[in-house]
Amino acid sequence: MVNDKKEVKVVGMHCPNCVKAIELSLTDLDGVDDAKASLEEGNVIIDYDASKVSDEDIQDAVEEAGFSTE
């Protein structure tokens, strides 16, 4: 597995439940090893395999959780 890291700015997080929703949505993607969202920073750091997960997949997962990306 190829490990890539990506930081994505997330718009709309305002509570710990938001953080959990984003992390769960992303870690459900095949190829995502870990996702750590930060309420304070307004972002999520994703460890993933770029050969399995595209930028569009990541954006779609964040949007499915009810948030948008910058």
PDB file of N, CA and C in Angstrom:
ATOM      1  N   MET A   1       0.833  -1.182   0.000  1.00  0.00           N
ATOM      2  CA  MET A   1       0.000   0.000   0.000  1.00  0.00           C
ATOM      3  C   MET A   1       0.881   1.251   0.000  1.00  0.00           C
ATOM      4  N   VAL A   2       0.549   2.166  -0.858  1.00  0.00           N
ATOM      5  CA  VAL A   2       1.270   3.433  -0.940  1.00  0.00           C
ATOM      6  C   VAL A   2       0.618   4.403   0.042  1.00  0.00           C
ATOM      7  N   ASN A   3       1.411   4.978   0.917  1.00  0.00           N
ATOM      8  CA  ASN A   3       0.848   5.915   1.883  1.00  0.00           C
ATOM      9  C   ASN A   3       1.088   7.343   1.439  1.00  0.00           C
ATOM     10  N   ASP A   4       0.004   8.027   1.199  1.00  0.00           N
ATOM     11  CA  ASP A   4       0.043   9.443   0.870  1.00  0.00           C
ATOM     12  C   ASP A   4      -0.687  10.176   1.976  1.00  0.00           C
ATOM     13  N   LYS A   5      -0.329  11.425   2.165  1.00  0.00           N
ATOM     14  CA  LYS A   5      -0.993  12.282   3.153  1.00  0.00           C
ATOM     15  C   LYS A   5      -1.554  13.486   2.431  1.00  0.00           C
ATOM     16  N   LYS A   6      -2.734  13.902   2.879  1.00  0.00           N
ATOM     17  CA  LYS A   6      -3.380  15.062   2.273  1.00  0.00           C
ATOM     18  C   LYS A   6      -4.084  15.839   3.371  1.00  0.00           C
ATOM     19  N   GLU A   7      -3.952  17.158   3.301  1.00  0.00           N
ATOM     20  CA  GLU A   7      -4.701  18.037   4.195  1.00  0.00           C
ATOM     21  C   GLU A   7      -5.800  18.700   3.392  1.00  0.00           C
ATOM     22  N   VAL A   8      -7.015  18.626   3.921  1.00  0.00           N
ATOM     23  CA  VAL A   8      -8.169  19.214   3.250  1.00  0.00           C
ATOM     24  C   VAL A   8      -8.849  20.172   4.218  1.00  0.00           C
ATOM     25  N   LYS A   9      -9.072  21.399   3.765  1.00  0.00           N
ATOM     26  CA  LYS A   9      -9.830  22.371   4.558  1.00  0.00           C
ATOM     27  C   LYS A   9     -11.309  22.004   4.472  1.00  0.00           C
ATOM     28  N   VAL A  10     -11.978  22.016   5.631  1.00  0.00           N
ATOM     29  CA  VAL A  10     -13.391  21.643   5.701  1.00  0.00           C
ATOM     30  C   VAL A  10     -14.186  22.829   6.230  1.00  0.00           C
ATOM     31  N   VAL A  11     -15.287  23.136   5.548  1.00  0.00           N
ATOM     32  CA  VAL A  11     -16.147  24.245   5.932  1.00  0.00           C
ATOM     33  C   VAL A  11     -17.386  23.683   6.620  1.00  0.00           C
ATOM     34  N   GLY A  12     -17.697  24.239   7.796  1.00  0.00           N
ATOM     35  CA  GLY A  12     -18.944  23.888   8.465  1.00  0.00           C
ATOM     36  C   GLY A  12     -18.810  23.069   9.731  1.00  0.00           C
ATOM     37  N   MET A  13     -17.608  22.653  10.092  1.00  0.00           N
ATOM     38  CA  MET A  13     -17.444  21.909  11.341  1.00  0.00           C
ATOM     39  C   MET A  13     -17.630  22.859  12.514  1.00  0.00           C
ATOM     40  N   HIS A  14     -18.437  22.431  13.498  1.00  0.00           N
ATOM     41  CA  HIS A  14     -18.629  23.293  14.659  1.00  0.00           C
ATOM     42  C   HIS A  14     -18.725  22.541  15.982  1.00  0.00           C
ATOM     43  N   CYS A  15     -18.616  21.208  15.950  1.00  0.00           N
ATOM     44  CA  CYS A  15     -18.708  20.439  17.193  1.00  0.00           C
ATOM     45  C   CYS A  15     -17.992  19.099  17.036  1.00  0.00           C
ATOM     46  N   PRO A  16     -17.774  18.397  18.135  1.00  0.00           N
ATOM     47  CA  PRO A  16     -17.107  17.086  18.061  1.00  0.00           C
ATOM     48  C   PRO A  16     -17.863  16.067  17.208  1.00  0.00           C
ATOM     49  N   ASN A  17     -19.172  16.162  17.148  1.00  0.00           N
ATOM     50  CA  ASN A  17     -19.932  15.240  16.295  1.00  0.00           C
ATOM     51  C   ASN A  17     -19.631  15.469  14.817  1.00  0.00           C
ATOM     52  N   CYS A  18     -19.389  16.711  14.445  1.00  0.00           N
ATOM     53  CA  CYS A  18     -19.000  17.035  13.067  1.00  0.00           C
ATOM     54  C   CYS A  18     -17.675  16.348  12.731  1.00  0.00           C
ATOM     55  N   VAL A  19     -16.737  16.448  13.649  1.00  0.00           N
ATOM     56  CA  VAL A  19     -15.425  15.834  13.463  1.00  0.00           C
ATOM     57  C   VAL A  19     -15.581  14.332  13.254  1.00  0.00           C
ATOM     58  N   LYS A  20     -16.362  13.684  14.109  1.00  0.00           N
ATOM     59  CA  LYS A  20     -16.562  12.233  14.016  1.00  0.00           C
ATOM     60  C   LYS A  20     -17.230  11.842  12.698  1.00  0.00           C
ATOM     61  N   ALA A  21     -18.216  12.623  12.266  1.00  0.00           N
ATOM     62  CA  ALA A  21     -18.916  12.323  11.013  1.00  0.00           C
ATOM     63  C   ALA A  21     -17.967  12.362   9.824  1.00  0.00           C
ATOM     64  N   ILE A  22     -17.096  13.359   9.797  1.00  0.00           N
ATOM     65  CA  ILE A  22     -16.134  13.483   8.700  1.00  0.00           C
ATOM     66  C   ILE A  22     -15.136  12.326   8.728  1.00  0.00           C
ATOM     67  N   GLU A  23     -14.598  12.037   9.905  1.00  0.00           N
ATOM     68  CA  GLU A  23     -13.626  10.955  10.024  1.00  0.00           C
ATOM     69  C   GLU A  23     -14.230   9.615   9.615  1.00  0.00           C
ATOM     70  N   LEU A  24     -15.457   9.335  10.050  1.00  0.00           N
ATOM     71  CA  LEU A  24     -16.109   8.073   9.695  1.00  0.00           C
ATOM     72  C   LEU A  24     -16.388   7.974   8.198  1.00  0.00           C
ATOM     73  N   SER A  25     -16.842   9.062   7.613  1.00  0.00           N
ATOM     74  CA  SER A  25     -17.138   9.062   6.184  1.00  0.00           C
ATOM     75  C   SER A  25     -15.881   8.775   5.366  1.00  0.00           C
ATOM     76  N   LEU A  26     -14.776   9.377   5.766  1.00  0.00           N
ATOM     77  CA  LEU A  26     -13.523   9.176   5.028  1.00  0.00           C
ATOM     78  C   LEU A  26     -12.933   7.793   5.261  1.00  0.00           C
ATOM     79  N   THR A  27     -12.949   7.311   6.499  1.00  0.00           N
ATOM     80  CA  THR A  27     -12.346   6.000   6.768  1.00  0.00           C
ATOM     81  C   THR A  27     -13.181   4.863   6.193  1.00  0.00           C
ATOM     82  N   ASP A  28     -14.416   5.141   5.800  1.00  0.00           N
ATOM     83  CA  ASP A  28     -15.227   4.129   5.112  1.00  0.00           C
ATOM     84  C   ASP A  28     -14.757   3.902   3.676  1.00  0.00           C
ATOM     85  N   LEU A  29     -13.978   4.823   3.123  1.00  0.00           N
ATOM     86  CA  LEU A  29     -13.472   4.668   1.758  1.00  0.00           C
ATOM     87  C   LEU A  29     -12.386   3.591   1.720  1.00  0.00           C
ATOM     88  N   ASP A  30     -12.497   2.691   0.751  1.00  0.00           N
ATOM     89  CA  ASP A  30     -11.449   1.692   0.554  1.00  0.00           C
ATOM     90  C   ASP A  30     -10.179   2.404   0.104  1.00  0.00           C
ATOM     91  N   GLY A  31      -9.116   2.245   0.883  1.00  0.00           N
ATOM     92  CA  GLY A  31      -7.857   2.904   0.556  1.00  0.00           C
ATOM     93  C   GLY A  31      -7.489   4.013   1.526  1.00  0.00           C
ATOM     94  N   VAL A  32      -8.423   4.394   2.402  1.00  0.00           N
ATOM     95  CA  VAL A  32      -8.114   5.396   3.428  1.00  0.00           C
ATOM     96  C   VAL A  32      -7.748   4.652   4.703  1.00  0.00           C
ATOM     97  N   ASP A  33      -6.520   4.873   5.177  1.00  0.00           N
ATOM     98  CA  ASP A  33      -6.056   4.241   6.407  1.00  0.00           C
ATOM     99  C   ASP A  33      -6.514   4.997   7.635  1.00  0.00           C
ATOM    100  N   ASP A  34      -6.478   6.319   7.567  1.00  0.00           N
ATOM    101  CA  ASP A  34      -6.795   7.127   8.737  1.00  0.00           C
ATOM    102  C   ASP A  34      -7.230   8.521   8.297  1.00  0.00           C
ATOM    103  N   ALA A  35      -8.073   9.127   9.106  1.00  0.00           N
ATOM    104  CA  ALA A  35      -8.503  10.502   8.880  1.00  0.00           C
ATOM    105  C   ALA A  35      -8.646  11.168  10.241  1.00  0.00           C
ATOM    106  N   LYS A  36      -7.952  12.276  10.423  1.00  0.00           N
ATOM    107  CA  LYS A  36      -7.986  13.019  11.681  1.00  0.00           C
ATOM    108  C   LYS A  36      -8.457  14.440  11.395  1.00  0.00           C
ATOM    109  N   ALA A  37      -9.672  14.733  11.804  1.00  0.00           N
ATOM    110  CA  ALA A  37     -10.224  16.079  11.618  1.00  0.00           C
ATOM    111  C   ALA A  37      -9.901  16.927  12.834  1.00  0.00           C
ATOM    112  N   SER A  38      -9.679  18.202  12.611  1.00  0.00           N
ATOM    113  CA  SER A  38      -9.387  19.157  13.679  1.00  0.00           C
ATOM    114  C   SER A  38     -10.406  20.284  13.634  1.00  0.00           C
ATOM    115  N   LEU A  39     -11.201  20.355  14.680  1.00  0.00           N
ATOM    116  CA  LEU A  39     -12.188  21.423  14.792  1.00  0.00           C
ATOM    117  C   LEU A  39     -11.499  22.781  14.864  1.00  0.00           C
ATOM    118  N   GLU A  40     -10.403  22.854  15.618  1.00  0.00           N
ATOM    119  CA  GLU A  40      -9.675  24.106  15.794  1.00  0.00           C
ATOM    120  C   GLU A  40      -9.035  24.594  14.496  1.00  0.00           C
ATOM    121  N   GLU A  41      -8.472  23.667  13.742  1.00  0.00           N
ATOM    122  CA  GLU A  41      -7.786  24.020  12.488  1.00  0.00           C
ATOM    123  C   GLU A  41      -8.752  24.108  11.302  1.00  0.00           C
ATOM    124  N   GLY A  42      -9.912  23.490  11.418  1.00  0.00           N
ATOM    125  CA  GLY A  42     -10.875  23.483  10.317  1.00  0.00           C
ATOM    126  C   GLY A  42     -10.405  22.642   9.143  1.00  0.00           C
ATOM    127  N   ASN A  43      -9.728  21.525   9.463  1.00  0.00           N
ATOM    128  CA  ASN A  43      -9.220  20.672   8.388  1.00  0.00           C
ATOM    129  C   ASN A  43      -9.280  19.211   8.784  1.00  0.00           C
ATOM    130  N   VAL A  44      -8.917  18.374   7.844  1.00  0.00           N
ATOM    131  CA  VAL A  44      -8.772  16.947   8.093  1.00  0.00           C
ATOM    132  C   VAL A  44      -7.493  16.489   7.401  1.00  0.00           C
ATOM    133  N   ILE A  45      -6.716  15.669   8.105  1.00  0.00           N
ATOM    134  CA  ILE A  45      -5.501  15.075   7.552  1.00  0.00           C
ATOM    135  C   ILE A  45      -5.828  13.623   7.237  1.00  0.00           C
ATOM    136  N   ILE A  46      -5.580  13.229   6.007  1.00  0.00           N
ATOM    137  CA  ILE A  46      -5.965  11.902   5.539  1.00  0.00           C
ATOM    138  C   ILE A  46      -4.721  11.119   5.133  1.00  0.00           C
ATOM    139  N   ASP A  47      -4.599   9.901   5.657  1.00  0.00           N
ATOM    140  CA  ASP A  47      -3.576   8.948   5.214  1.00  0.00           C
ATOM    141  C   ASP A  47      -4.273   7.973   4.284  1.00  0.00           C
ATOM    142  N   TYR A  48      -3.801   7.888   3.046  1.00  0.00           N
ATOM    143  CA  TYR A  48      -4.531   7.090   2.065  1.00  0.00           C
ATOM    144  C   TYR A  48      -3.604   6.574   0.974  1.00  0.00           C
ATOM    145  N   ASP A  49      -4.157   5.703   0.149  1.00  0.00           N
ATOM    146  CA  ASP A  49      -3.467   5.152  -1.008  1.00  0.00           C
ATOM    147  C   ASP A  49      -4.025   5.865  -2.240  1.00  0.00           C
ATOM    148  N   ALA A  50      -3.215   6.730  -2.837  1.00  0.00           N
ATOM    149  CA  ALA A  50      -3.671   7.538  -3.976  1.00  0.00           C
ATOM    150  C   ALA A  50      -4.013   6.690  -5.201  1.00  0.00           C
ATOM    151  N   SER A  51      -3.550   5.462  -5.237  1.00  0.00           N
ATOM    152  CA  SER A  51      -3.907   4.599  -6.368  1.00  0.00           C
ATOM    153  C   SER A  51      -5.330   4.046  -6.221  1.00  0.00           C
ATOM    154  N   LYS A  52      -5.910   4.173  -5.021  1.00  0.00           N
ATOM    155  CA  LYS A  52      -7.270   3.683  -4.769  1.00  0.00           C
ATOM    156  C   LYS A  52      -8.275   4.797  -4.523  1.00  0.00           C
ATOM    157  N   VAL A  53      -7.793   5.947  -4.032  1.00  0.00           N
ATOM    158  CA  VAL A  53      -8.686   7.034  -3.631  1.00  0.00           C
ATOM    159  C   VAL A  53      -8.295   8.306  -4.371  1.00  0.00           C
ATOM    160  N   SER A  54      -9.256   8.900  -5.051  1.00  0.00           N
ATOM    161  CA  SER A  54      -8.996  10.147  -5.781  1.00  0.00           C
ATOM    162  C   SER A  54      -9.381  11.353  -4.928  1.00  0.00           C
ATOM    163  N   ASP A  55      -8.942  12.517  -5.365  1.00  0.00           N
ATOM    164  CA  ASP A  55      -9.340  13.763  -4.701  1.00  0.00           C
ATOM    165  C   ASP A  55     -10.865  13.910  -4.726  1.00  0.00           C
ATOM    166  N   GLU A  56     -11.464  13.482  -5.820  1.00  0.00           N
ATOM    167  CA  GLU A  56     -12.919  13.561  -5.947  1.00  0.00           C
ATOM    168  C   GLU A  56     -13.608  12.643  -4.937  1.00  0.00           C
ATOM    169  N   ASP A  57     -13.047  11.440  -4.715  1.00  0.00           N
ATOM    170  CA  ASP A  57     -13.598  10.528  -3.706  1.00  0.00           C
ATOM    171  C   ASP A  57     -13.581  11.178  -2.327  1.00  0.00           C
ATOM    172  N   ILE A  58     -12.468  11.836  -2.008  1.00  0.00           N
ATOM    173  CA  ILE A  58     -12.329  12.496  -0.710  1.00  0.00           C
ATOM    174  C   ILE A  58     -13.349  13.619  -0.582  1.00  0.00           C
ATOM    175  N   GLN A  59     -13.462  14.441  -1.602  1.00  0.00           N
ATOM    176  CA  GLN A  59     -14.424  15.540  -1.587  1.00  0.00           C
ATOM    177  C   GLN A  59     -15.849  15.008  -1.451  1.00  0.00           C
ATOM    178  N   ASP A  60     -16.173  13.958  -2.189  1.00  0.00           N
ATOM    179  CA  ASP A  60     -17.517  13.372  -2.111  1.00  0.00           C
ATOM    180  C   ASP A  60     -17.819  12.850  -0.709  1.00  0.00           C
ATOM    181  N   ALA A  61     -16.839  12.212  -0.061  1.00  0.00           N
ATOM    182  CA  ALA A  61     -17.044  11.677   1.281  1.00  0.00           C
ATOM    183  C   ALA A  61     -17.301  12.795   2.279  1.00  0.00           C
ATOM    184  N   VAL A  62     -16.560  13.888   2.158  1.00  0.00           N
ATOM    185  CA  VAL A  62     -16.765  15.048   3.048  1.00  0.00           C
ATOM    186  C   VAL A  62     -18.159  15.625   2.806  1.00  0.00           C
ATOM    187  N   GLU A  63     -18.558  15.732   1.565  1.00  0.00           N
ATOM    188  CA  GLU A  63     -19.873  16.276   1.235  1.00  0.00           C
ATOM    189  C   GLU A  63     -20.996  15.346   1.716  1.00  0.00           C
ATOM    190  N   GLU A  64     -20.792  14.034   1.626  1.00  0.00           N
ATOM    191  CA  GLU A  64     -21.781  13.084   2.108  1.00  0.00           C
ATOM    192  C   GLU A  64     -21.966  13.204   3.619  1.00  0.00           C
ATOM    193  N   ALA A  65     -20.924  13.634   4.320  1.00  0.00           N
ATOM    194  CA  ALA A  65     -21.027  13.841   5.760  1.00  0.00           C
ATOM    195  C   ALA A  65     -21.727  15.158   6.091  1.00  0.00           C
ATOM    196  N   GLY A  66     -21.989  15.987   5.064  1.00  0.00           N
ATOM    197  CA  GLY A  66     -22.721  17.218   5.260  1.00  0.00           C
ATOM    198  C   GLY A  66     -21.883  18.483   5.289  1.00  0.00           C
ATOM    199  N   PHE A  67     -20.660  18.395   4.766  1.00  0.00           N
ATOM    200  CA  PHE A  67     -19.742  19.532   4.815  1.00  0.00           C
ATOM    201  C   PHE A  67     -19.178  19.807   3.423  1.00  0.00           C
ATOM    202  N   SER A  68     -18.489  20.906   3.282  1.00  0.00           N
ATOM    203  CA  SER A  68     -17.848  21.207   2.008  1.00  0.00           C
ATOM    204  C   SER A  68     -16.347  21.421   2.214  1.00  0.00           C
ATOM    205  N   THR A  69     -15.610  21.339   1.125  1.00  0.00           N
ATOM    206  CA  THR A  69     -14.155  21.514   1.165  1.00  0.00           C
ATOM    207  C   THR A  69     -13.765  22.807   0.485  1.00  0.00           C
ATOM    208  N   GLU A  70     -12.589  23.294   0.817  1.00  0.00           N
ATOM    209  CA  GLU A  70     -12.058  24.490   0.168  1.00  0.00           C
ATOM    210  C   GLU A  70     -10.920  24.081  -0.741  1.00  0.00           C
TER     211      GLU A  70
END
